[in-house]
């Protein structure tokens, strides 16, 4: 994400992350990865529900083909998916991403199909540019 900070700032776009949990838990979690000020606490998962993000069947963690592909991609890039380090309150909650305009209108949305399924920030940047032009 950090490598795209200047690109989003140039578009006058505020990037925020929504985390499940109370403010203190979200601040602690987000502080490990991003400035905590970028994070929004969603204790009741209202944001996730509004985005139509579902739950994941955890019995599929070792057999889901899409998740296996993502794990291989991460390994090939020198990373390891660490689900324990990134789960806050609800291990079944699927991830998502959205571009929301200043009026609160969702202009673009991505709904993950497994726990590691988030679009690359370049995809989000391109989607944001397309909306603004």
N, C-alpha and C. Protein backbone atom coordinates (compact mmCIF):
# COMPACT_ATOMS: atom_id res chain seq x y z
N UNK A 1 0.82 -1.19 0.00
CA UNK A 1 0.00 0.00 0.00
C UNK A 1 0.86 1.25 0.00
N UNK A 2 1.89 1.28 0.83
CA UNK A 2 2.68 2.50 0.99
C UNK A 2 3.27 2.99 -0.32
N UNK A 3 3.57 2.06 -1.24
CA UNK A 3 4.16 2.51 -2.50
C UNK A 3 3.19 3.29 -3.36
N UNK A 4 1.90 3.27 -3.02
CA UNK A 4 0.89 4.02 -3.78
C UNK A 4 0.36 5.24 -3.03
N UNK A 5 0.89 5.51 -1.86
CA UNK A 5 0.41 6.65 -1.06
C UNK A 5 0.42 7.95 -1.85
N UNK A 6 1.52 8.24 -2.51
CA UNK A 6 1.62 9.52 -3.24
C UNK A 6 0.65 9.57 -4.41
N UNK A 7 0.42 8.44 -5.06
CA UNK A 7 -0.52 8.40 -6.18
C UNK A 7 -1.94 8.73 -5.71
N UNK A 8 -2.37 8.12 -4.61
CA UNK A 8 -3.70 8.41 -4.07
C UNK A 8 -3.78 9.85 -3.57
N UNK A 9 -2.72 10.33 -2.92
CA UNK A 9 -2.71 11.71 -2.42
C UNK A 9 -2.82 12.71 -3.57
N UNK A 10 -2.16 12.42 -4.69
CA UNK A 10 -2.22 13.30 -5.86
C UNK A 10 -3.65 13.40 -6.40
N UNK A 11 -4.43 12.35 -6.21
CA UNK A 11 -5.83 12.35 -6.65
C UNK A 11 -6.76 12.94 -5.58
N UNK A 12 -6.17 13.38 -4.47
CA UNK A 12 -6.89 13.85 -3.29
C UNK A 12 -7.90 12.81 -2.80
N UNK A 13 -7.40 11.56 -2.73
CA UNK A 13 -8.20 10.44 -2.26
C UNK A 13 -7.70 10.03 -0.88
N UNK A 14 -8.61 9.88 0.05
CA UNK A 14 -8.28 9.39 1.39
C UNK A 14 -8.46 7.88 1.41
N UNK A 15 -7.42 7.17 1.77
CA UNK A 15 -7.48 5.71 1.86
C UNK A 15 -7.75 5.33 3.31
N UNK A 16 -8.75 4.48 3.50
CA UNK A 16 -9.10 4.02 4.84
C UNK A 16 -9.26 2.52 4.84
N UNK A 17 -9.02 1.93 6.00
CA UNK A 17 -9.16 0.49 6.18
C UNK A 17 -10.19 0.27 7.28
N UNK A 18 -11.09 -0.66 7.06
CA UNK A 18 -12.11 -0.98 8.06
C UNK A 18 -11.71 -2.29 8.72
N UNK A 19 -11.69 -2.29 10.04
CA UNK A 19 -11.34 -3.49 10.79
C UNK A 19 -12.45 -3.87 11.75
N UNK A 20 -12.60 -5.16 11.96
CA UNK A 20 -13.62 -5.65 12.88
C UNK A 20 -13.06 -5.57 14.30
N UNK A 21 -13.79 -4.88 15.17
CA UNK A 21 -13.37 -4.79 16.56
C UNK A 21 -13.58 -3.39 17.09
N UNK A 22 -13.30 -3.24 18.39
CA UNK A 22 -13.44 -1.91 18.99
C UNK A 22 -12.24 -1.05 18.59
N UNK A 23 -12.32 0.23 18.91
CA UNK A 23 -11.30 1.20 18.49
C UNK A 23 -9.90 0.80 18.93
N UNK A 24 -9.75 0.38 20.19
CA UNK A 24 -8.43 0.02 20.70
C UNK A 24 -7.84 -1.16 19.95
N UNK A 25 -8.65 -2.17 19.69
CA UNK A 25 -8.17 -3.36 18.99
C UNK A 25 -7.79 -3.02 17.54
N UNK A 26 -8.60 -2.22 16.88
CA UNK A 26 -8.32 -1.84 15.51
C UNK A 26 -7.06 -0.97 15.44
N UNK A 27 -6.91 -0.04 16.38
CA UNK A 27 -5.71 0.79 16.40
C UNK A 27 -4.45 -0.05 16.59
N UNK A 28 -4.52 -1.02 17.49
CA UNK A 28 -3.36 -1.89 17.73
C UNK A 28 -3.04 -2.71 16.49
N UNK A 29 -4.05 -3.29 15.90
CA UNK A 29 -3.86 -4.11 14.70
C UNK A 29 -3.31 -3.27 13.55
N UNK A 30 -3.96 -2.17 13.25
CA UNK A 30 -3.56 -1.35 12.11
C UNK A 30 -2.20 -0.72 12.32
N UNK A 31 -1.85 -0.45 13.56
CA UNK A 31 -0.55 0.14 13.84
C UNK A 31 0.60 -0.74 13.40
N UNK A 32 0.35 -2.05 13.25
CA UNK A 32 1.39 -2.97 12.78
C UNK A 32 1.64 -2.83 11.29
N UNK A 33 0.65 -2.36 10.54
CA UNK A 33 0.74 -2.35 9.08
C UNK A 33 0.63 -0.96 8.47
N UNK A 34 -0.16 -0.08 9.04
CA UNK A 34 -0.44 1.24 8.49
C UNK A 34 -0.63 2.21 9.65
N UNK A 35 -0.58 3.50 9.38
CA UNK A 35 -0.90 4.44 10.45
C UNK A 35 -2.32 4.17 10.96
N UNK A 36 -2.47 4.06 12.27
CA UNK A 36 -3.77 3.73 12.86
C UNK A 36 -4.85 4.74 12.47
N UNK A 37 -4.46 5.97 12.16
CA UNK A 37 -5.44 7.00 11.79
C UNK A 37 -6.18 6.64 10.51
N UNK A 38 -5.62 5.75 9.71
CA UNK A 38 -6.27 5.33 8.47
C UNK A 38 -7.35 4.28 8.70
N UNK A 39 -7.44 3.78 9.91
CA UNK A 39 -8.32 2.64 10.19
C UNK A 39 -9.61 3.06 10.87
N UNK A 40 -10.67 2.40 10.47
CA UNK A 40 -12.00 2.65 11.02
C UNK A 40 -12.44 1.38 11.74
N UNK A 41 -12.84 1.53 12.99
CA UNK A 41 -13.33 0.39 13.77
C UNK A 41 -14.78 0.11 13.42
N UNK A 42 -15.09 -1.15 13.18
CA UNK A 42 -16.45 -1.56 12.85
C UNK A 42 -16.81 -2.77 13.73
N UNK A 43 -17.14 -2.48 14.96
CA UNK A 43 -17.40 -3.54 15.94
C UNK A 43 -18.59 -4.42 15.56
N UNK A 44 -19.58 -3.83 14.91
CA UNK A 44 -20.80 -4.57 14.58
C UNK A 44 -20.78 -5.14 13.16
N UNK A 45 -19.71 -4.90 12.42
CA UNK A 45 -19.58 -5.35 11.03
C UNK A 45 -20.62 -4.72 10.11
N UNK A 46 -21.11 -3.55 10.45
CA UNK A 46 -22.12 -2.87 9.63
C UNK A 46 -21.57 -2.53 8.25
N UNK A 47 -20.30 -2.13 8.18
CA UNK A 47 -19.69 -1.80 6.89
C UNK A 47 -19.60 -3.04 6.01
N UNK A 48 -19.20 -4.13 6.59
CA UNK A 48 -19.09 -5.38 5.85
C UNK A 48 -20.45 -5.80 5.31
N UNK A 49 -21.48 -5.68 6.15
CA UNK A 49 -22.84 -6.03 5.72
C UNK A 49 -23.31 -5.11 4.60
N UNK A 50 -23.03 -3.81 4.73
CA UNK A 50 -23.46 -2.85 3.71
C UNK A 50 -22.78 -3.12 2.37
N UNK A 51 -21.56 -3.64 2.41
CA UNK A 51 -20.83 -3.95 1.18
C UNK A 51 -21.21 -5.33 0.62
N UNK A 52 -22.04 -6.06 1.36
CA UNK A 52 -22.45 -7.38 0.89
C UNK A 52 -21.35 -8.42 0.99
N UNK A 53 -20.46 -8.25 1.96
CA UNK A 53 -19.36 -9.20 2.14
C UNK A 53 -19.82 -10.34 3.03
N UNK A 54 -19.63 -11.54 2.55
CA UNK A 54 -20.10 -12.71 3.27
C UNK A 54 -19.05 -13.31 4.18
N UNK A 55 -19.33 -14.53 4.60
CA UNK A 55 -18.43 -15.29 5.46
C UNK A 55 -17.80 -16.42 4.66
N UNK A 56 -16.65 -16.87 5.12
CA UNK A 56 -15.91 -17.95 4.47
C UNK A 56 -16.07 -19.23 5.27
N UNK A 57 -16.19 -20.32 4.58
CA UNK A 57 -16.27 -21.64 5.21
C UNK A 57 -14.84 -22.07 5.55
N UNK A 58 -14.47 -21.97 6.82
CA UNK A 58 -13.10 -22.26 7.23
C UNK A 58 -12.67 -23.70 6.98
N UNK A 59 -13.61 -24.59 6.77
CA UNK A 59 -13.23 -25.97 6.47
C UNK A 59 -12.56 -26.07 5.10
N UNK A 60 -12.62 -25.00 4.31
CA UNK A 60 -12.02 -24.99 2.96
C UNK A 60 -10.61 -24.40 2.93
N UNK A 61 -10.06 -24.01 4.08
CA UNK A 61 -8.75 -23.35 4.11
C UNK A 61 -7.65 -24.15 3.41
N UNK A 62 -7.68 -25.45 3.51
CA UNK A 62 -6.62 -26.27 2.90
C UNK A 62 -6.97 -26.79 1.52
N UNK A 63 -8.21 -26.62 1.09
CA UNK A 63 -8.63 -27.22 -0.19
C UNK A 63 -9.14 -26.22 -1.23
N UNK A 64 -9.33 -24.97 -0.86
CA UNK A 64 -9.87 -23.96 -1.77
C UNK A 64 -8.85 -23.68 -2.88
N UNK A 65 -9.17 -23.99 -4.15
CA UNK A 65 -8.22 -23.78 -5.24
C UNK A 65 -7.76 -22.32 -5.37
N UNK A 66 -8.67 -21.37 -5.23
CA UNK A 66 -8.29 -19.95 -5.38
C UNK A 66 -7.34 -19.52 -4.26
N UNK A 67 -7.57 -20.00 -3.05
CA UNK A 67 -6.69 -19.67 -1.93
C UNK A 67 -5.33 -20.34 -2.11
N UNK A 68 -5.31 -21.55 -2.63
CA UNK A 68 -4.04 -22.23 -2.89
C UNK A 68 -3.20 -21.47 -3.92
N UNK A 69 -3.86 -20.97 -4.96
CA UNK A 69 -3.16 -20.18 -5.99
C UNK A 69 -2.58 -18.92 -5.35
N UNK A 70 -3.38 -18.25 -4.52
CA UNK A 70 -2.91 -17.02 -3.86
C UNK A 70 -1.71 -17.31 -2.97
N UNK A 71 -1.75 -18.43 -2.25
CA UNK A 71 -0.61 -18.81 -1.40
C UNK A 71 0.65 -19.01 -2.24
N UNK A 72 0.51 -19.69 -3.39
CA UNK A 72 1.66 -19.91 -4.27
C UNK A 72 2.21 -18.60 -4.81
N UNK A 73 1.32 -17.68 -5.18
CA UNK A 73 1.76 -16.36 -5.66
C UNK A 73 2.53 -15.62 -4.58
N UNK A 74 2.01 -15.66 -3.36
CA UNK A 74 2.68 -14.99 -2.25
C UNK A 74 4.05 -15.60 -2.01
N UNK A 75 4.12 -16.90 -1.99
CA UNK A 75 5.40 -17.59 -1.78
C UNK A 75 6.40 -17.24 -2.88
N UNK A 76 5.94 -17.23 -4.12
CA UNK A 76 6.82 -16.91 -5.25
C UNK A 76 7.35 -15.48 -5.17
N UNK A 77 6.60 -14.60 -4.52
CA UNK A 77 7.02 -13.21 -4.36
C UNK A 77 7.84 -13.00 -3.09
N UNK A 78 8.08 -14.08 -2.37
CA UNK A 78 8.87 -13.97 -1.15
C UNK A 78 8.06 -13.66 0.09
N UNK A 79 6.76 -13.81 0.00
CA UNK A 79 5.88 -13.55 1.14
C UNK A 79 5.22 -14.83 1.59
N UNK A 80 4.71 -14.80 2.78
CA UNK A 80 3.96 -15.93 3.30
C UNK A 80 2.64 -15.40 3.82
N UNK A 81 1.55 -16.01 3.39
CA UNK A 81 0.26 -15.63 3.93
C UNK A 81 0.22 -16.03 5.40
N UNK A 82 -0.04 -15.08 6.27
CA UNK A 82 -0.09 -15.35 7.70
C UNK A 82 -1.47 -14.96 8.21
N UNK A 83 -2.39 -15.90 8.14
CA UNK A 83 -3.77 -15.62 8.51
C UNK A 83 -3.88 -15.23 9.98
N UNK A 84 -3.08 -15.86 10.84
CA UNK A 84 -3.16 -15.56 12.27
C UNK A 84 -2.78 -14.11 12.55
N UNK A 85 -1.83 -13.59 11.81
CA UNK A 85 -1.37 -12.22 12.04
C UNK A 85 -2.35 -11.18 11.52
N UNK A 86 -3.23 -11.57 10.61
CA UNK A 86 -4.11 -10.57 10.00
C UNK A 86 -5.57 -10.70 10.41
N UNK A 87 -5.90 -11.71 11.20
CA UNK A 87 -7.29 -11.86 11.65
C UNK A 87 -7.46 -11.15 12.98
N UNK A 88 -8.51 -10.33 13.06
CA UNK A 88 -8.74 -9.57 14.29
C UNK A 88 -9.82 -10.19 15.15
N UNK A 89 -11.02 -10.23 14.67
CA UNK A 89 -12.14 -10.69 15.49
C UNK A 89 -12.94 -11.81 14.86
N UNK A 90 -13.01 -11.86 13.55
CA UNK A 90 -13.87 -12.82 12.89
C UNK A 90 -13.11 -13.46 11.74
N UNK A 91 -12.65 -14.67 11.98
CA UNK A 91 -11.84 -15.36 10.97
C UNK A 91 -12.65 -15.72 9.73
N UNK A 92 -13.97 -15.73 9.82
CA UNK A 92 -14.78 -16.12 8.67
C UNK A 92 -15.13 -14.95 7.76
N UNK A 93 -14.93 -13.71 8.23
CA UNK A 93 -15.33 -12.55 7.44
C UNK A 93 -14.49 -12.43 6.18
N UNK A 94 -15.15 -12.39 5.03
CA UNK A 94 -14.44 -12.21 3.77
C UNK A 94 -14.05 -10.75 3.59
N UNK A 95 -12.91 -10.50 2.94
CA UNK A 95 -12.46 -9.13 2.72
C UNK A 95 -13.14 -8.49 1.51
N UNK A 96 -12.95 -7.21 1.40
CA UNK A 96 -13.47 -6.48 0.25
C UNK A 96 -12.79 -5.14 0.15
N UNK A 97 -13.07 -4.44 -0.92
CA UNK A 97 -12.52 -3.12 -1.15
C UNK A 97 -13.54 -2.31 -1.92
N UNK A 98 -13.54 -1.00 -1.69
CA UNK A 98 -14.51 -0.15 -2.38
C UNK A 98 -13.92 1.23 -2.59
N UNK A 99 -14.41 1.88 -3.63
CA UNK A 99 -14.14 3.30 -3.86
C UNK A 99 -15.48 4.00 -3.62
N UNK A 100 -15.47 4.87 -2.63
CA UNK A 100 -16.68 5.59 -2.24
C UNK A 100 -16.43 7.08 -2.45
N UNK A 101 -17.33 7.75 -3.15
CA UNK A 101 -17.11 9.17 -3.41
C UNK A 101 -17.47 10.02 -2.20
N UNK A 102 -17.25 11.32 -2.31
CA UNK A 102 -17.48 12.24 -1.18
C UNK A 102 -18.92 12.31 -0.74
N UNK A 103 -19.84 11.89 -1.62
CA UNK A 103 -21.26 11.88 -1.27
C UNK A 103 -21.69 10.55 -0.66
N UNK A 104 -20.73 9.63 -0.48
CA UNK A 104 -21.04 8.34 0.11
C UNK A 104 -21.57 7.32 -0.87
N UNK A 105 -21.44 7.59 -2.16
CA UNK A 105 -21.91 6.67 -3.19
C UNK A 105 -20.78 5.70 -3.55
N UNK A 106 -21.09 4.41 -3.51
CA UNK A 106 -20.11 3.39 -3.88
C UNK A 106 -19.96 3.40 -5.40
N UNK A 107 -18.76 3.71 -5.86
CA UNK A 107 -18.48 3.81 -7.30
C UNK A 107 -17.83 2.55 -7.86
N UNK A 108 -17.21 1.78 -6.98
CA UNK A 108 -16.55 0.54 -7.39
C UNK A 108 -16.46 -0.34 -6.17
N UNK A 109 -16.66 -1.65 -6.34
CA UNK A 109 -16.59 -2.56 -5.20
C UNK A 109 -15.98 -3.89 -5.63
N UNK A 110 -15.24 -4.45 -4.73
CA UNK A 110 -14.64 -5.77 -4.94
C UNK A 110 -14.97 -6.62 -3.72
N UNK A 111 -15.55 -7.78 -3.96
CA UNK A 111 -15.90 -8.69 -2.87
C UNK A 111 -15.01 -9.92 -2.96
N UNK A 112 -14.21 -10.14 -1.93
CA UNK A 112 -13.29 -11.28 -1.91
C UNK A 112 -14.03 -12.61 -1.80
N UNK A 113 -13.40 -13.64 -2.38
CA UNK A 113 -14.02 -14.97 -2.33
C UNK A 113 -13.29 -15.91 -1.37
N UNK A 114 -12.14 -15.48 -0.84
CA UNK A 114 -11.43 -16.24 0.18
C UNK A 114 -10.70 -15.23 1.07
N UNK A 115 -10.18 -15.67 2.21
CA UNK A 115 -9.60 -14.73 3.18
C UNK A 115 -8.45 -13.88 2.68
N UNK A 116 -7.73 -14.31 1.67
CA UNK A 116 -6.60 -13.54 1.16
C UNK A 116 -6.92 -12.84 -0.15
N UNK A 117 -8.19 -12.72 -0.47
CA UNK A 117 -8.60 -12.19 -1.77
C UNK A 117 -8.93 -10.71 -1.70
N UNK A 118 -7.90 -9.92 -1.87
CA UNK A 118 -8.06 -8.47 -1.99
C UNK A 118 -7.38 -8.04 -3.29
N UNK A 119 -7.92 -7.03 -3.95
CA UNK A 119 -7.27 -6.57 -5.17
C UNK A 119 -5.96 -5.87 -4.85
N UNK A 120 -5.05 -5.93 -5.78
CA UNK A 120 -3.79 -5.19 -5.65
C UNK A 120 -4.12 -3.70 -5.60
N UNK A 121 -3.32 -2.94 -4.89
CA UNK A 121 -3.57 -1.49 -4.79
C UNK A 121 -3.50 -0.81 -6.16
N UNK A 122 -2.75 -1.36 -7.09
CA UNK A 122 -2.70 -0.81 -8.45
C UNK A 122 -4.09 -0.90 -9.09
N UNK A 123 -4.80 -2.00 -8.87
CA UNK A 123 -6.16 -2.17 -9.39
C UNK A 123 -7.08 -1.11 -8.78
N UNK A 124 -6.94 -0.90 -7.49
CA UNK A 124 -7.78 0.13 -6.83
C UNK A 124 -7.42 1.52 -7.34
N UNK A 125 -6.15 1.79 -7.54
CA UNK A 125 -5.73 3.08 -8.06
C UNK A 125 -6.28 3.30 -9.45
N UNK A 126 -6.19 2.29 -10.30
CA UNK A 126 -6.72 2.40 -11.66
C UNK A 126 -8.23 2.61 -11.65
N UNK A 127 -8.94 1.90 -10.78
CA UNK A 127 -10.39 2.07 -10.67
C UNK A 127 -10.73 3.48 -10.21
N UNK A 128 -9.96 3.99 -9.28
CA UNK A 128 -10.20 5.35 -8.78
C UNK A 128 -9.95 6.38 -9.86
N UNK A 129 -8.87 6.22 -10.59
CA UNK A 129 -8.56 7.15 -11.71
C UNK A 129 -9.69 7.13 -12.74
N UNK A 130 -10.18 5.93 -13.06
CA UNK A 130 -11.26 5.83 -14.06
C UNK A 130 -12.51 6.54 -13.59
N UNK A 131 -12.79 6.48 -12.31
CA UNK A 131 -13.99 7.13 -11.76
C UNK A 131 -13.83 8.65 -11.80
N UNK A 132 -12.63 9.13 -11.54
CA UNK A 132 -12.40 10.58 -11.46
C UNK A 132 -12.26 11.24 -12.82
N UNK A 133 -12.05 10.45 -13.86
CA UNK A 133 -11.85 11.07 -15.18
C UNK A 133 -13.10 10.97 -16.04
